[in-house]
Amino acid sequence: MTFNTREEAGRRLVERLIQYRGDPAAIILSLPRGGVAVGYQVSLGLHLPLDVFIARKLGAPDNPEYALGAVGETGTIYLNPDAIAAYNLSSQEIEDLAQAQQQEVARRQVLYRQGRQLPTLIDRTVILVDDGIATGSTFFASAKSIKHLKPRRLIGAIPVGPVETIQEARRQVDELVVLATPDPFWAVGNHYIDFAQVSDRDVVEYLKLAEESLLEWKERTHSSTA
């Protein structure tokens, strides 16, 4: 399965998540940057609030693209056991990698939320959205972090990913919605025709538009029942 754009992938996810439409306890958390474009369409289709959950990959010292794990914005760290064993890093070295990424997490928190805090997730249904997963490190770190915040249910919503990573993702959440598990799987971007970079400015705009759309929908719903 190939998607034209991230937004198309989001619209397809809506069809599989329709039971959550308008659920007052539900919230969408998207992984920036690319996941926010997907989450925006899920927000529009389900009439649910959209926010971000920020996680950063911990790259190997000699190969930053190779994920040793990831750190979530609440400080929770997920480590890939195979990768850690291969590099034989000390706990201090891992901590140093995490601290470096937490600076970028802090920058994004300020920029994306513009002074708002991460919403309270206690007893809520959280739909965690990304544009796809490969190693899954940032998704797993996010899921682990979110579970510590005591949601009622955690649902993963992923357009595409490799079979093995998807199997692990199912173990990390209460429910996983996935549209495609191609084999062989090379990279998330290979399964999109348009996989253009999503900028910080785009993320802020998606969040703003989602908030405006939800407000309009609530006003229309209220006026039609008044």
N, C-alpha and C. Protein backbone atom coordinates (compact mmCIF):
# COMPACT_ATOMS: atom_id res chain seq x y z
N MET A 1 0.85 -1.20 0.00
CA MET A 1 0.00 0.00 0.00
C MET A 1 0.88 1.25 0.00
N THR A 2 0.58 2.17 -0.89
CA THR A 2 1.29 3.44 -0.95
C THR A 2 0.31 4.58 -0.70
N PHE A 3 0.74 5.55 0.07
CA PHE A 3 -0.09 6.73 0.35
C PHE A 3 0.42 7.89 -0.48
N ASN A 4 -0.50 8.72 -0.97
CA ASN A 4 -0.08 9.91 -1.71
C ASN A 4 0.64 10.88 -0.77
N THR A 5 0.02 11.17 0.37
CA THR A 5 0.55 12.14 1.33
C THR A 5 0.27 11.63 2.74
N ARG A 6 0.88 12.29 3.71
CA ARG A 6 0.58 11.96 5.11
C ARG A 6 -0.89 12.25 5.43
N GLU A 7 -1.41 13.31 4.85
CA GLU A 7 -2.80 13.67 5.14
C GLU A 7 -3.75 12.58 4.63
N GLU A 8 -3.44 12.01 3.48
CA GLU A 8 -4.27 10.91 2.99
C GLU A 8 -4.21 9.72 3.96
N ALA A 9 -3.02 9.43 4.47
CA ALA A 9 -2.88 8.35 5.44
C ALA A 9 -3.75 8.63 6.67
N GLY A 10 -3.78 9.88 7.10
CA GLY A 10 -4.62 10.26 8.24
C GLY A 10 -6.09 10.01 7.98
N ARG A 11 -6.54 10.36 6.77
CA ARG A 11 -7.96 10.15 6.42
C ARG A 11 -8.30 8.66 6.41
N ARG A 12 -7.36 7.85 5.97
CA ARG A 12 -7.61 6.40 5.97
C ARG A 12 -7.65 5.85 7.39
N LEU A 13 -6.85 6.41 8.27
CA LEU A 13 -6.89 5.97 9.67
C LEU A 13 -8.23 6.30 10.32
N VAL A 14 -8.83 7.42 9.93
CA VAL A 14 -10.13 7.82 10.49
C VAL A 14 -11.15 6.69 10.33
N GLU A 15 -11.14 6.05 9.17
CA GLU A 15 -12.10 4.98 8.89
C GLU A 15 -11.97 3.84 9.90
N ARG A 16 -10.76 3.62 10.39
CA ARG A 16 -10.51 2.51 11.33
C ARG A 16 -10.67 2.94 12.79
N LEU A 17 -10.85 4.23 13.02
CA LEU A 17 -10.95 4.76 14.38
C LEU A 17 -12.31 5.40 14.65
N ILE A 18 -13.26 5.15 13.76
CA ILE A 18 -14.52 5.90 13.77
C ILE A 18 -15.29 5.75 15.08
N GLN A 19 -15.03 4.64 15.82
CA GLN A 19 -15.77 4.45 17.08
C GLN A 19 -15.39 5.49 18.14
N TYR A 20 -14.29 6.20 17.91
CA TYR A 20 -13.86 7.22 18.88
C TYR A 20 -14.34 8.62 18.49
N ARG A 21 -15.11 8.71 17.43
CA ARG A 21 -15.54 10.03 16.93
C ARG A 21 -16.35 10.78 18.00
N GLY A 22 -15.90 11.98 18.33
CA GLY A 22 -16.60 12.82 19.28
C GLY A 22 -16.53 12.35 20.72
N ASP A 23 -15.69 11.38 21.02
CA ASP A 23 -15.58 10.86 22.39
C ASP A 23 -15.00 11.95 23.29
N PRO A 24 -15.75 12.40 24.30
CA PRO A 24 -15.27 13.52 25.13
C PRO A 24 -14.04 13.17 25.96
N ALA A 25 -13.75 11.88 26.13
CA ALA A 25 -12.58 11.48 26.93
C ALA A 25 -11.35 11.26 26.07
N ALA A 26 -11.50 11.36 24.74
CA ALA A 26 -10.40 11.00 23.84
C ALA A 26 -9.58 12.22 23.42
N ILE A 27 -8.30 11.97 23.15
CA ILE A 27 -7.39 13.01 22.66
C ILE A 27 -6.39 12.36 21.72
N ILE A 28 -5.97 13.10 20.70
CA ILE A 28 -4.95 12.62 19.77
C ILE A 28 -3.62 13.26 20.14
N LEU A 29 -2.60 12.43 20.30
CA LEU A 29 -1.23 12.92 20.47
C LEU A 29 -0.42 12.44 19.28
N SER A 30 0.15 13.38 18.55
CA SER A 30 0.93 13.04 17.36
C SER A 30 2.41 13.25 17.63
N LEU A 31 3.23 12.41 16.98
CA LEU A 31 4.68 12.55 17.12
C LEU A 31 5.19 13.52 16.05
N PRO A 32 5.76 14.65 16.48
CA PRO A 32 6.27 15.60 15.49
C PRO A 32 7.61 15.12 14.93
N ARG A 33 7.87 15.46 13.66
CA ARG A 33 7.02 16.41 12.97
C ARG A 33 5.99 15.72 12.07
N GLY A 34 6.43 14.66 11.34
CA GLY A 34 5.57 14.08 10.31
C GLY A 34 4.25 13.55 10.82
N GLY A 35 4.24 13.03 12.05
CA GLY A 35 3.01 12.48 12.60
C GLY A 35 1.92 13.50 12.79
N VAL A 36 2.30 14.78 12.88
CA VAL A 36 1.29 15.83 13.12
C VAL A 36 0.44 16.04 11.88
N ALA A 37 1.02 15.87 10.69
CA ALA A 37 0.24 15.99 9.46
C ALA A 37 -0.81 14.88 9.39
N VAL A 38 -0.44 13.68 9.84
CA VAL A 38 -1.38 12.56 9.89
C VAL A 38 -2.44 12.83 10.97
N GLY A 39 -1.97 13.21 12.15
CA GLY A 39 -2.87 13.45 13.27
C GLY A 39 -3.87 14.56 13.01
N TYR A 40 -3.46 15.54 12.22
CA TYR A 40 -4.37 16.64 11.87
C TYR A 40 -5.62 16.12 11.18
N GLN A 41 -5.43 15.23 10.21
CA GLN A 41 -6.59 14.68 9.50
C GLN A 41 -7.42 13.77 10.40
N VAL A 42 -6.75 13.05 11.31
CA VAL A 42 -7.48 12.22 12.26
C VAL A 42 -8.32 13.11 13.18
N SER A 43 -7.75 14.24 13.59
CA SER A 43 -8.48 15.20 14.43
C SER A 43 -9.71 15.74 13.71
N LEU A 44 -9.53 16.12 12.44
CA LEU A 44 -10.67 16.65 11.68
C LEU A 44 -11.77 15.59 11.53
N GLY A 45 -11.35 14.36 11.23
CA GLY A 45 -12.33 13.31 10.96
C GLY A 45 -13.05 12.81 12.20
N LEU A 46 -12.38 12.87 13.34
CA LEU A 46 -12.98 12.33 14.57
C LEU A 46 -13.50 13.42 15.51
N HIS A 47 -13.27 14.68 15.17
CA HIS A 47 -13.66 15.80 16.04
C HIS A 47 -13.06 15.63 17.44
N LEU A 48 -11.75 15.41 17.46
CA LEU A 48 -11.03 15.24 18.73
C LEU A 48 -9.89 16.25 18.81
N PRO A 49 -9.55 16.68 20.03
CA PRO A 49 -8.43 17.61 20.18
C PRO A 49 -7.10 16.98 19.77
N LEU A 50 -6.24 17.81 19.20
CA LEU A 50 -4.92 17.37 18.73
C LEU A 50 -3.83 18.07 19.53
N ASP A 51 -2.88 17.30 20.00
CA ASP A 51 -1.68 17.86 20.62
C ASP A 51 -0.49 17.02 20.15
N VAL A 52 0.68 17.39 20.60
CA VAL A 52 1.88 16.63 20.26
C VAL A 52 2.36 15.87 21.48
N PHE A 53 3.09 14.79 21.22
CA PHE A 53 3.90 14.18 22.27
C PHE A 53 5.30 14.10 21.69
N ILE A 54 6.25 14.68 22.38
CA ILE A 54 7.58 14.86 21.81
C ILE A 54 8.52 13.78 22.32
N ALA A 55 9.14 13.08 21.39
CA ALA A 55 10.16 12.09 21.72
C ALA A 55 11.31 12.26 20.74
N ARG A 56 12.50 11.96 21.20
CA ARG A 56 13.68 12.12 20.35
C ARG A 56 14.50 10.83 20.35
N LYS A 57 14.94 10.47 19.17
CA LYS A 57 15.78 9.30 18.99
C LYS A 57 17.15 9.51 19.65
N LEU A 58 17.66 8.45 20.26
CA LEU A 58 19.03 8.46 20.77
C LEU A 58 19.91 7.79 19.73
N GLY A 59 20.64 8.58 18.97
CA GLY A 59 21.47 8.03 17.90
C GLY A 59 22.78 7.47 18.44
N ALA A 60 23.27 6.46 17.76
CA ALA A 60 24.56 5.86 18.14
C ALA A 60 25.68 6.89 17.97
N PRO A 61 26.71 6.84 18.81
CA PRO A 61 27.79 7.84 18.75
C PRO A 61 28.45 7.96 17.38
N ASP A 62 28.62 6.84 16.66
CA ASP A 62 29.28 6.89 15.36
C ASP A 62 28.31 6.89 14.19
N ASN A 63 27.00 6.80 14.50
CA ASN A 63 25.98 6.75 13.44
C ASN A 63 24.67 7.29 13.99
N PRO A 64 24.51 8.61 13.98
CA PRO A 64 23.33 9.24 14.61
C PRO A 64 21.99 8.76 14.06
N GLU A 65 21.99 8.21 12.85
CA GLU A 65 20.74 7.73 12.26
C GLU A 65 20.32 6.38 12.85
N TYR A 66 21.26 5.67 13.48
CA TYR A 66 20.96 4.36 14.05
C TYR A 66 20.42 4.55 15.46
N ALA A 67 19.19 4.13 15.70
CA ALA A 67 18.52 4.40 16.98
C ALA A 67 18.91 3.38 18.04
N LEU A 68 19.55 3.87 19.10
CA LEU A 68 19.80 3.05 20.28
C LEU A 68 18.55 2.98 21.15
N GLY A 69 17.68 3.94 20.96
CA GLY A 69 16.47 4.05 21.75
C GLY A 69 15.92 5.45 21.55
N ALA A 70 15.16 5.93 22.52
CA ALA A 70 14.58 7.28 22.43
C ALA A 70 14.20 7.75 23.81
N VAL A 71 14.04 9.06 23.94
CA VAL A 71 13.61 9.65 25.21
C VAL A 71 12.33 10.43 24.96
N GLY A 72 11.35 10.21 25.84
CA GLY A 72 10.07 10.93 25.76
C GLY A 72 10.13 12.23 26.52
N GLU A 73 9.15 13.09 26.28
CA GLU A 73 9.22 14.44 26.87
C GLU A 73 9.05 14.45 28.38
N THR A 74 8.56 13.37 28.97
CA THR A 74 8.47 13.32 30.43
C THR A 74 9.75 12.76 31.04
N GLY A 75 10.75 12.44 30.18
CA GLY A 75 12.03 11.94 30.66
C GLY A 75 12.17 10.43 30.61
N THR A 76 11.11 9.72 30.25
CA THR A 76 11.17 8.27 30.16
C THR A 76 12.04 7.86 28.97
N ILE A 77 12.92 6.90 29.19
CA ILE A 77 13.83 6.43 28.15
C ILE A 77 13.47 5.01 27.74
N TYR A 78 13.38 4.79 26.45
CA TYR A 78 13.24 3.43 25.91
C TYR A 78 14.57 3.08 25.25
N LEU A 79 15.07 1.88 25.53
CA LEU A 79 16.33 1.42 24.93
C LEU A 79 16.08 0.17 24.11
N ASN A 80 16.65 0.15 22.92
CA ASN A 80 16.60 -1.03 22.06
C ASN A 80 17.64 -2.02 22.58
N PRO A 81 17.21 -3.17 23.14
CA PRO A 81 18.17 -4.08 23.78
C PRO A 81 19.28 -4.55 22.84
N ASP A 82 18.93 -4.85 21.60
CA ASP A 82 19.94 -5.34 20.64
C ASP A 82 20.98 -4.26 20.35
N ALA A 83 20.49 -3.02 20.17
CA ALA A 83 21.40 -1.92 19.85
C ALA A 83 22.32 -1.61 21.02
N ILE A 84 21.78 -1.61 22.22
CA ILE A 84 22.58 -1.30 23.40
C ILE A 84 23.66 -2.38 23.59
N ALA A 85 23.26 -3.64 23.37
CA ALA A 85 24.23 -4.74 23.51
C ALA A 85 25.35 -4.61 22.48
N ALA A 86 25.00 -4.20 21.27
CA ALA A 86 25.99 -4.08 20.20
C ALA A 86 27.00 -2.98 20.50
N TYR A 87 26.56 -1.90 21.14
CA TYR A 87 27.45 -0.77 21.39
C TYR A 87 28.09 -0.80 22.78
N ASN A 88 27.52 -1.62 23.68
CA ASN A 88 28.11 -1.79 25.01
C ASN A 88 28.34 -0.44 25.71
N LEU A 89 27.32 0.42 25.70
CA LEU A 89 27.45 1.74 26.32
C LEU A 89 27.17 1.66 27.82
N SER A 90 27.84 2.51 28.57
CA SER A 90 27.59 2.59 30.01
C SER A 90 26.31 3.39 30.26
N SER A 91 25.78 3.27 31.47
CA SER A 91 24.57 4.02 31.82
C SER A 91 24.83 5.52 31.74
N GLN A 92 26.06 5.95 32.07
CA GLN A 92 26.39 7.38 31.98
C GLN A 92 26.41 7.85 30.54
N GLU A 93 26.93 7.04 29.63
CA GLU A 93 26.95 7.41 28.21
C GLU A 93 25.52 7.53 27.66
N ILE A 94 24.66 6.62 28.09
CA ILE A 94 23.25 6.68 27.66
C ILE A 94 22.59 7.93 28.22
N GLU A 95 22.89 8.23 29.49
CA GLU A 95 22.33 9.43 30.12
C GLU A 95 22.78 10.70 29.39
N ASP A 96 24.04 10.73 28.98
CA ASP A 96 24.56 11.90 28.25
C ASP A 96 23.84 12.07 26.90
N LEU A 97 23.60 10.96 26.20
CA LEU A 97 22.86 11.01 24.94
C LEU A 97 21.45 11.54 25.17
N ALA A 98 20.80 11.05 26.24
CA ALA A 98 19.43 11.46 26.53
C ALA A 98 19.37 12.95 26.88
N GLN A 99 20.35 13.43 27.66
CA GLN A 99 20.35 14.84 28.05
C GLN A 99 20.49 15.75 26.83
N ALA A 100 21.32 15.35 25.89
CA ALA A 100 21.50 16.16 24.69
C ALA A 100 20.19 16.27 23.92
N GLN A 101 19.43 15.18 23.85
CA GLN A 101 18.15 15.20 23.13
C GLN A 101 17.07 15.95 23.91
N GLN A 102 17.17 15.93 25.23
CA GLN A 102 16.16 16.62 26.03
C GLN A 102 16.20 18.13 25.82
N GLN A 103 17.35 18.65 25.43
CA GLN A 103 17.42 20.08 25.09
C GLN A 103 16.54 20.38 23.88
N GLU A 104 16.57 19.49 22.89
CA GLU A 104 15.72 19.67 21.72
C GLU A 104 14.25 19.44 22.07
N VAL A 105 13.98 18.50 22.95
CA VAL A 105 12.61 18.28 23.43
C VAL A 105 12.07 19.57 24.06
N ALA A 106 12.88 20.19 24.92
CA ALA A 106 12.46 21.42 25.60
C ALA A 106 12.19 22.54 24.59
N ARG A 107 13.04 22.65 23.58
CA ARG A 107 12.85 23.67 22.55
C ARG A 107 11.50 23.47 21.83
N ARG A 108 11.21 22.23 21.50
CA ARG A 108 9.97 21.94 20.78
C ARG A 108 8.75 22.14 21.67
N GLN A 109 8.87 21.82 22.95
CA GLN A 109 7.74 22.05 23.87
C GLN A 109 7.33 23.51 23.86
N VAL A 110 8.33 24.39 23.96
CA VAL A 110 8.05 25.83 23.99
C VAL A 110 7.45 26.28 22.66
N LEU A 111 8.03 25.82 21.56
CA LEU A 111 7.61 26.26 20.24
C LEU A 111 6.22 25.73 19.88
N TYR A 112 5.99 24.45 20.08
CA TYR A 112 4.75 23.84 19.62
C TYR A 112 3.56 24.16 20.53
N ARG A 113 3.81 24.16 21.85
CA ARG A 113 2.67 24.38 22.76
C ARG A 113 2.52 25.85 23.14
N GLN A 114 3.54 26.63 22.91
CA GLN A 114 3.46 28.07 23.13
C GLN A 114 2.94 28.40 24.54
N GLY A 115 3.57 27.76 25.52
CA GLY A 115 3.25 28.06 26.91
C GLY A 115 2.27 27.10 27.54
N ARG A 116 1.55 26.32 26.73
CA ARG A 116 0.62 25.34 27.30
C ARG A 116 1.40 24.15 27.85
N GLN A 117 0.81 23.48 28.80
CA GLN A 117 1.38 22.24 29.34
C GLN A 117 0.83 21.05 28.55
N LEU A 118 1.50 19.93 28.66
CA LEU A 118 0.94 18.69 28.13
C LEU A 118 -0.39 18.45 28.83
N PRO A 119 -1.47 18.20 28.08
CA PRO A 119 -2.78 18.00 28.73
C PRO A 119 -2.75 16.83 29.71
N THR A 120 -3.62 16.88 30.71
CA THR A 120 -3.77 15.77 31.64
C THR A 120 -4.32 14.56 30.89
N LEU A 121 -3.67 13.42 31.09
CA LEU A 121 -4.08 12.21 30.37
C LEU A 121 -4.75 11.18 31.28
N ILE A 122 -4.85 11.47 32.56
CA ILE A 122 -5.43 10.51 33.51
C ILE A 122 -6.85 10.13 33.09
N ASP A 123 -7.07 8.83 32.95
CA ASP A 123 -8.40 8.28 32.64
C ASP A 123 -8.94 8.70 31.27
N ARG A 124 -8.05 9.12 30.38
CA ARG A 124 -8.48 9.50 29.04
C ARG A 124 -8.11 8.40 28.03
N THR A 125 -8.76 8.44 26.89
CA THR A 125 -8.39 7.57 25.77
C THR A 125 -7.42 8.35 24.90
N VAL A 126 -6.19 7.87 24.80
CA VAL A 126 -5.14 8.55 24.05
C VAL A 126 -4.90 7.80 22.74
N ILE A 127 -4.99 8.52 21.63
CA ILE A 127 -4.68 7.95 20.32
C ILE A 127 -3.33 8.51 19.90
N LEU A 128 -2.32 7.66 19.89
CA LEU A 128 -0.94 8.06 19.58
C LEU A 128 -0.67 7.82 18.10
N VAL A 129 -0.38 8.89 17.37
CA VAL A 129 -0.31 8.85 15.90
C VAL A 129 1.09 9.20 15.42
N ASP A 130 1.57 8.43 14.43
CA ASP A 130 2.79 8.81 13.72
C ASP A 130 2.56 8.56 12.23
N ASP A 131 3.53 8.97 11.40
CA ASP A 131 3.35 8.76 9.96
C ASP A 131 3.87 7.40 9.52
N GLY A 132 4.43 6.64 10.45
CA GLY A 132 4.95 5.31 10.19
C GLY A 132 6.04 5.00 11.18
N ILE A 133 6.38 3.72 11.33
CA ILE A 133 7.48 3.38 12.22
C ILE A 133 8.43 2.44 11.49
N ALA A 134 9.72 2.56 11.83
CA ALA A 134 10.74 1.67 11.27
C ALA A 134 11.32 0.85 12.42
N THR A 135 12.26 1.43 13.19
CA THR A 135 12.73 0.73 14.40
C THR A 135 11.71 0.84 15.52
N GLY A 136 10.90 1.90 15.49
CA GLY A 136 9.85 2.08 16.49
C GLY A 136 10.31 2.77 17.76
N SER A 137 11.57 3.18 17.84
CA SER A 137 12.11 3.70 19.11
C SER A 137 11.32 4.88 19.65
N THR A 138 11.03 5.88 18.80
CA THR A 138 10.31 7.05 19.32
C THR A 138 8.87 6.70 19.69
N PHE A 139 8.27 5.80 18.93
CA PHE A 139 6.90 5.37 19.27
C PHE A 139 6.90 4.63 20.60
N PHE A 140 7.88 3.72 20.79
CA PHE A 140 7.93 2.94 22.03
C PHE A 140 8.22 3.84 23.24
N ALA A 141 9.12 4.80 23.07
CA ALA A 141 9.42 5.73 24.17
C ALA A 141 8.18 6.54 24.53
N SER A 142 7.45 6.96 23.52
CA SER A 142 6.24 7.75 23.75
C SER A 142 5.18 6.92 24.45
N ALA A 143 4.97 5.69 23.97
CA ALA A 143 3.97 4.81 24.59
C ALA A 143 4.32 4.56 26.06
N LYS A 144 5.59 4.29 26.31
CA LYS A 144 6.05 4.04 27.68
C LYS A 144 5.81 5.27 28.56
N SER A 145 6.14 6.45 28.04
CA SER A 145 5.95 7.69 28.79
C SER A 145 4.47 7.93 29.08
N ILE A 146 3.64 7.75 28.06
CA ILE A 146 2.21 8.04 28.20
C ILE A 146 1.56 7.10 29.21
N LYS A 147 1.98 5.83 29.21
CA LYS A 147 1.39 4.87 30.15
C LYS A 147 1.64 5.27 31.60
N HIS A 148 2.77 5.94 31.84
CA HIS A 148 3.05 6.42 33.20
C HIS A 148 2.10 7.54 33.61
N LEU A 149 1.45 8.16 32.63
CA LEU A 149 0.52 9.27 32.91
C LEU A 149 -0.92 8.78 33.10
N LYS A 150 -1.08 7.46 33.15
CA LYS A 150 -2.31 6.79 33.57
C LYS A 150 -3.55 7.07 32.70
N PRO A 151 -3.43 6.93 31.39
CA PRO A 151 -4.63 7.02 30.56
C PRO A 151 -5.52 5.78 30.80
N ARG A 152 -6.78 5.91 30.45
CA ARG A 152 -7.68 4.76 30.53
C ARG A 152 -7.29 3.72 29.47
N ARG A 153 -7.05 4.23 28.24
CA ARG A 153 -6.65 3.35 27.13
C ARG A 153 -5.64 4.08 26.26
N LEU A 154 -4.71 3.33 25.70
CA LEU A 154 -3.74 3.89 24.77
C LEU A 154 -3.88 3.15 23.45
N ILE A 155 -4.25 3.89 22.41
CA ILE A 155 -4.43 3.32 21.07
C ILE A 155 -3.33 3.86 20.17
N GLY A 156 -2.62 2.98 19.49
CA GLY A 156 -1.64 3.41 18.50
C GLY A 156 -2.29 3.45 17.13
N ALA A 157 -1.96 4.47 16.35
CA ALA A 157 -2.50 4.61 14.99
C ALA A 157 -1.34 4.88 14.04
N ILE A 158 -1.02 3.89 13.22
CA ILE A 158 0.19 3.91 12.39
C ILE A 158 -0.16 3.54 10.96
N PRO A 159 0.14 4.38 9.99
CA PRO A 159 -0.14 4.01 8.61
C PRO A 159 0.66 2.81 8.12
N VAL A 160 1.97 2.75 8.46
CA VAL A 160 2.81 1.73 7.85
C VAL A 160 4.00 1.41 8.74
N GLY A 161 4.42 0.14 8.71
CA GLY A 161 5.60 -0.27 9.46
C GLY A 161 5.93 -1.72 9.16
N PRO A 162 7.15 -2.15 9.48
CA PRO A 162 7.55 -3.54 9.23
C PRO A 162 6.87 -4.49 10.22
N VAL A 163 6.69 -5.72 9.80
CA VAL A 163 5.93 -6.70 10.58
C VAL A 163 6.47 -6.83 12.00
N GLU A 164 7.78 -7.00 12.15
CA GLU A 164 8.34 -7.24 13.49
C GLU A 164 8.13 -6.05 14.42
N THR A 165 8.33 -4.85 13.92
CA THR A 165 8.15 -3.66 14.75
C THR A 165 6.67 -3.50 15.12
N ILE A 166 5.80 -3.78 14.18
CA ILE A 166 4.36 -3.68 14.44
C ILE A 166 3.94 -4.69 15.51
N GLN A 167 4.52 -5.88 15.47
CA GLN A 167 4.20 -6.88 16.50
C GLN A 167 4.60 -6.38 17.88
N GLU A 168 5.77 -5.76 17.98
CA GLU A 168 6.20 -5.19 19.26
C GLU A 168 5.30 -4.03 19.67
N ALA A 169 4.92 -3.20 18.70
CA ALA A 169 4.04 -2.05 18.98
C ALA A 169 2.71 -2.53 19.57
N ARG A 170 2.19 -3.64 19.08
CA ARG A 170 0.92 -4.18 19.62
C ARG A 170 1.05 -4.50 21.10
N ARG A 171 2.23 -4.91 21.51
CA ARG A 171 2.44 -5.25 22.93
C ARG A 171 2.55 -4.00 23.80
N GLN A 172 2.83 -2.86 23.18
CA GLN A 172 3.06 -1.62 23.94
C GLN A 172 1.79 -0.82 24.19
N VAL A 173 0.71 -1.14 23.47
CA VAL A 173 -0.53 -0.35 23.56
C VAL A 173 -1.72 -1.28 23.80
N ASP A 174 -2.87 -0.68 24.14
CA ASP A 174 -4.08 -1.47 24.35
C ASP A 174 -4.70 -1.90 23.03
N GLU A 175 -4.51 -1.09 22.01
CA GLU A 175 -5.06 -1.40 20.69
C GLU A 175 -4.15 -0.74 19.66
N LEU A 176 -3.90 -1.43 18.56
CA LEU A 176 -3.09 -0.85 17.50
C LEU A 176 -3.84 -0.92 16.18
N VAL A 177 -3.95 0.24 15.54
CA VAL A 177 -4.53 0.33 14.20
C VAL A 177 -3.39 0.57 13.23
N VAL A 178 -3.20 -0.32 12.29
CA VAL A 178 -2.14 -0.19 11.30
C VAL A 178 -2.73 -0.50 9.93
N LEU A 179 -2.34 0.28 8.93
CA LEU A 179 -2.92 0.13 7.60
C LEU A 179 -2.11 -0.78 6.69
N ALA A 180 -0.80 -0.84 6.86
CA ALA A 180 0.03 -1.64 5.95
C ALA A 180 1.28 -2.13 6.65
N THR A 181 1.66 -3.39 6.37
CA THR A 181 2.92 -3.96 6.88
C THR A 181 3.66 -4.60 5.70
N PRO A 182 4.20 -3.78 4.81
CA PRO A 182 4.85 -4.32 3.61
C PRO A 182 6.10 -5.13 3.95
N ASP A 183 6.34 -6.14 3.13
CA ASP A 183 7.53 -6.97 3.29
C ASP A 183 8.11 -7.23 1.89
N PRO A 184 9.31 -6.78 1.58
CA PRO A 184 10.25 -6.14 2.51
C PRO A 184 9.88 -4.68 2.80
N PHE A 185 10.34 -4.22 3.96
CA PHE A 185 10.14 -2.84 4.37
C PHE A 185 11.50 -2.15 4.38
N TRP A 186 11.61 -1.02 3.68
CA TRP A 186 12.90 -0.33 3.59
C TRP A 186 12.93 0.93 4.45
N ALA A 187 11.96 1.79 4.28
CA ALA A 187 11.89 3.04 5.06
C ALA A 187 10.48 3.57 4.95
N VAL A 188 10.06 4.33 5.96
CA VAL A 188 8.70 4.87 5.96
C VAL A 188 8.43 5.68 4.70
N GLY A 189 9.38 6.53 4.31
CA GLY A 189 9.19 7.41 3.16
C GLY A 189 8.97 6.69 1.85
N ASN A 190 9.42 5.44 1.75
CA ASN A 190 9.23 4.66 0.52
C ASN A 190 7.76 4.35 0.25
N HIS A 191 6.93 4.50 1.27
CA HIS A 191 5.52 4.13 1.14
C HIS A 191 4.62 5.36 0.99
N TYR A 192 5.25 6.49 0.70
CA TYR A 192 4.53 7.73 0.39
C TYR A 192 5.04 8.27 -0.95
N ILE A 193 4.12 8.75 -1.76
CA ILE A 193 4.52 9.41 -3.01
C ILE A 193 5.12 10.77 -2.69
N ASP A 194 4.47 11.51 -1.80
CA ASP A 194 4.96 12.82 -1.36
C ASP A 194 5.32 12.70 0.12
N PHE A 195 6.62 12.70 0.44
CA PHE A 195 7.07 12.58 1.82
C PHE A 195 7.93 13.79 2.16
N ALA A 196 7.45 14.95 1.75
CA ALA A 196 8.19 16.19 1.98
C ALA A 196 8.36 16.44 3.48
N GLN A 197 9.46 17.10 3.82
CA GLN A 197 9.75 17.42 5.21
C GLN A 197 8.65 18.30 5.79
N VAL A 198 8.27 18.02 7.03
CA VAL A 198 7.32 18.85 7.77
C VAL A 198 8.15 19.76 8.68
N SER A 199 7.92 21.06 8.58
CA SER A 199 8.72 22.03 9.34
C SER A 199 8.08 22.31 10.70
N ASP A 200 8.84 22.96 11.56
CA ASP A 200 8.29 23.42 12.85
C ASP A 200 7.09 24.33 12.60
N ARG A 201 7.20 25.19 11.62
CA ARG A 201 6.10 26.11 11.31
C ARG A 201 4.85 25.33 10.91
N ASP A 202 5.04 24.27 10.12
CA ASP A 202 3.91 23.42 9.72
C ASP A 202 3.23 22.81 10.94
N VAL A 203 4.03 22.33 11.88
CA VAL A 203 3.48 21.70 13.09
C VAL A 203 2.60 22.69 13.85
N VAL A 204 3.11 23.89 14.06
CA VAL A 204 2.35 24.92 14.78
C VAL A 204 1.05 25.24 14.04
N GLU A 205 1.12 25.30 12.71
CA GLU A 205 -0.06 25.60 11.90
C GLU A 205 -1.10 24.48 11.98
N TYR A 206 -0.65 23.24 11.90
CA TYR A 206 -1.58 22.12 12.02
C TYR A 206 -2.30 22.14 13.37
N LEU A 207 -1.57 22.40 14.44
CA LEU A 207 -2.17 22.44 15.77
C LEU A 207 -3.21 23.56 15.87
N LYS A 208 -2.87 24.71 15.29
CA LYS A 208 -3.78 25.85 15.31
C LYS A 208 -5.06 25.56 14.51
N LEU A 209 -4.88 25.00 13.32
CA LEU A 209 -6.04 24.70 12.47
C LEU A 209 -6.92 23.63 13.10
N ALA A 210 -6.32 22.64 13.74
CA ALA A 210 -7.09 21.59 14.40
C ALA A 210 -7.92 22.17 15.54
N GLU A 211 -7.32 23.07 16.30
CA GLU A 211 -8.04 23.70 17.42
C GLU A 211 -9.22 24.53 16.90
N GLU A 212 -8.98 25.27 15.83
CA GLU A 212 -10.05 26.10 15.25
C GLU A 212 -11.19 25.24 14.71
N SER A 213 -10.83 24.16 14.04
CA SER A 213 -11.84 23.27 13.46
C SER A 213 -12.69 22.63 14.55
N LEU A 214 -12.04 22.19 15.63
CA LEU A 214 -12.78 21.56 16.73
C LEU A 214 -13.72 22.55 17.39
N LEU A 215 -13.27 23.79 17.55
CA LEU A 215 -14.11 24.83 18.15
C LEU A 215 -15.34 25.09 17.28
N GLU A 216 -15.12 25.19 15.98
CA GLU A 216 -16.24 25.41 15.05
C GLU A 216 -17.24 24.26 15.12
N TRP A 217 -16.73 23.04 15.17
CA TRP A 217 -17.62 21.87 15.23
C TRP A 217 -18.43 21.88 16.52
N LYS A 218 -17.79 22.23 17.64
CA LYS A 218 -18.51 22.28 18.92
C LYS A 218 -19.59 23.36 18.89
N GLU A 219 -19.28 24.49 18.28
CA GLU A 219 -20.26 25.59 18.19
C GLU A 219 -21.44 25.17 17.32
N ARG A 220 -21.16 24.50 16.20
CA ARG A 220 -22.25 24.04 15.32
C ARG A 220 -23.11 22.99 16.04
N THR A 221 -22.47 22.09 16.74
CA THR A 221 -23.20 21.04 17.46
C THR A 221 -24.06 21.65 18.55
N HIS A 222 -23.50 22.63 19.27
CA HIS A 222 -24.24 23.27 20.35
C HIS A 222 -25.45 24.03 19.81
N SER A 223 -25.24 24.76 18.72
CA SER A 223 -26.34 25.57 18.18
C SER A 223 -27.45 24.69 17.60
N SER A 224 -27.08 23.51 17.08
CA SER A 224 -28.10 22.64 16.47
C SER A 224 -28.91 21.91 17.54
N THR A 225 -28.37 21.82 18.77
CA THR A 225 -29.10 21.14 19.84
C THR A 225 -29.72 22.12 20.83
N ALA A 226 -29.41 23.40 20.64
CA ALA A 226 -29.94 24.41 21.58
C ALA A 226 -31.43 24.66 21.35
